[in-house]
């Protein structure tokens, strides 16, 4: 019984965790800029997700399968927007510069 309960929580968490990419997607889309995102970080994380997804999808663990599929979809959306807006002009019409100070 407790294993089913733990598995259920894991499955819900596996689906919900990648949904936290949605605020990031909205932020990039609204600003029409990804100047403050590292391209190497985004591509590196995405490549790891792509390489991990086949194992996730063939796993008998429903939580891992769910996480793998949903994470691939939402992080791919993040990467597409970063690639689209990485050097796009900001609202002023000029490419945005990111302040190097910690905010």
Protein backbone atom coordinates (compact mmCIF):
# COMPACT_ATOMS: atom_id res chain seq x y z
CA UNK A 1 0.00 0.00 0.00
CA UNK A 2 2.70 2.52 0.95
CA UNK A 3 4.64 1.73 -2.25
CA UNK A 4 1.57 2.68 -4.32
CA UNK A 5 1.24 5.93 -2.38
CA UNK A 6 4.92 6.78 -2.86
CA UNK A 7 4.72 5.87 -6.55
CA UNK A 8 1.67 8.09 -6.97
CA UNK A 9 3.41 11.06 -5.39
CA UNK A 10 6.48 10.42 -7.53
CA UNK A 11 4.38 10.31 -10.69
CA UNK A 12 2.58 13.56 -9.84
CA UNK A 13 5.91 15.23 -9.03
CA UNK A 14 7.41 13.86 -12.25
CA UNK A 15 4.67 15.56 -14.27
CA UNK A 16 4.49 18.78 -12.21
CA UNK A 17 8.25 19.50 -11.97
CA UNK A 18 8.74 20.25 -15.69
CA UNK A 19 5.66 22.49 -15.60
CA UNK A 20 7.79 24.99 -13.69
CA UNK A 21 9.36 25.74 -17.08
CA UNK A 22 6.11 27.50 -18.03
CA UNK A 23 6.90 30.73 -16.11
CA UNK A 24 10.32 30.74 -17.81
CA UNK A 25 8.71 30.27 -21.22
CA UNK A 26 6.26 33.10 -20.50
CA UNK A 27 9.06 35.40 -19.28
CA UNK A 28 11.16 34.88 -22.41
CA UNK A 29 8.12 35.25 -24.69
CA UNK A 30 6.87 38.46 -23.06
CA UNK A 31 10.31 40.12 -23.05
CA UNK A 32 11.15 38.83 -26.53
CA UNK A 33 14.68 38.43 -25.22
CA UNK A 34 16.84 35.64 -23.84
CA UNK A 35 19.90 37.83 -23.32
CA UNK A 36 20.28 36.73 -19.70
CA UNK A 37 20.31 33.00 -20.51
CA UNK A 38 23.46 31.07 -21.32
CA UNK A 39 23.20 29.33 -24.67
CA UNK A 40 25.73 26.69 -23.58
CA UNK A 41 23.67 25.99 -20.44
CA UNK A 42 20.42 25.63 -22.40
CA UNK A 43 21.92 23.40 -25.10
CA UNK A 44 23.86 21.36 -22.54
CA UNK A 45 20.81 20.66 -20.40
CA UNK A 46 18.68 19.93 -23.47
CA UNK A 47 21.21 17.46 -24.92
CA UNK A 48 21.32 15.62 -21.59
CA UNK A 49 17.52 15.49 -21.50
CA UNK A 50 17.38 14.18 -25.08
CA UNK A 51 19.98 11.50 -24.28
CA UNK A 52 18.18 10.50 -21.08
CA UNK A 53 14.65 10.40 -22.56
CA UNK A 54 14.91 6.99 -24.33
CA UNK A 55 15.83 5.34 -21.04
CA UNK A 56 13.02 7.18 -19.27
CA UNK A 57 10.47 6.08 -21.86
CA UNK A 58 11.48 2.43 -21.70
CA UNK A 59 11.56 2.38 -17.91
CA UNK A 60 8.92 0.46 -16.01
CA UNK A 61 8.89 3.32 -13.47
CA UNK A 62 5.84 5.44 -14.31
CA UNK A 63 7.21 8.48 -12.45
CA UNK A 64 10.46 8.42 -14.44
CA UNK A 65 8.59 7.87 -17.73
CA UNK A 66 6.22 10.74 -17.01
CA UNK A 67 9.04 13.08 -16.01
CA UNK A 68 11.10 12.17 -19.08
CA UNK A 69 8.29 12.82 -21.54
CA UNK A 70 6.96 16.03 -20.00
CA UNK A 71 10.43 17.44 -19.33
CA UNK A 72 11.48 16.84 -22.95
CA UNK A 73 8.45 18.76 -24.24
CA UNK A 74 8.72 21.78 -21.95
CA UNK A 75 12.49 22.17 -21.92
CA UNK A 76 12.51 21.88 -25.72
CA UNK A 77 10.14 24.86 -25.72
CA UNK A 78 12.57 26.77 -23.47
CA UNK A 79 15.49 26.02 -25.80
CA UNK A 80 13.53 27.01 -28.91
CA UNK A 81 12.67 30.37 -27.36
CA UNK A 82 16.24 30.94 -26.16
CA UNK A 83 17.52 30.23 -29.67
CA UNK A 84 14.85 32.48 -31.18
CA UNK A 85 15.36 35.43 -28.85
CA UNK A 86 19.02 35.08 -27.79
CA UNK A 87 20.23 37.94 -29.96
CA UNK A 88 16.88 39.43 -30.84
CA UNK A 89 16.41 43.12 -30.25
CA UNK A 90 14.72 44.10 -27.02
CA UNK A 91 11.77 46.45 -26.67
CA UNK A 92 14.01 49.42 -27.52
CA UNK A 93 14.86 47.89 -30.89
CA UNK A 94 18.48 47.30 -29.89
CA UNK A 95 19.95 44.02 -28.63
CA UNK A 96 19.60 43.96 -24.87
CA UNK A 97 22.61 43.94 -22.61
CA UNK A 98 22.42 42.16 -19.31
CA UNK A 99 23.68 43.89 -16.21
CA UNK A 100 26.43 41.68 -14.80
CA UNK A 101 25.52 42.52 -11.20
CA UNK A 102 23.54 40.04 -9.17
CA UNK A 103 19.98 41.29 -8.85
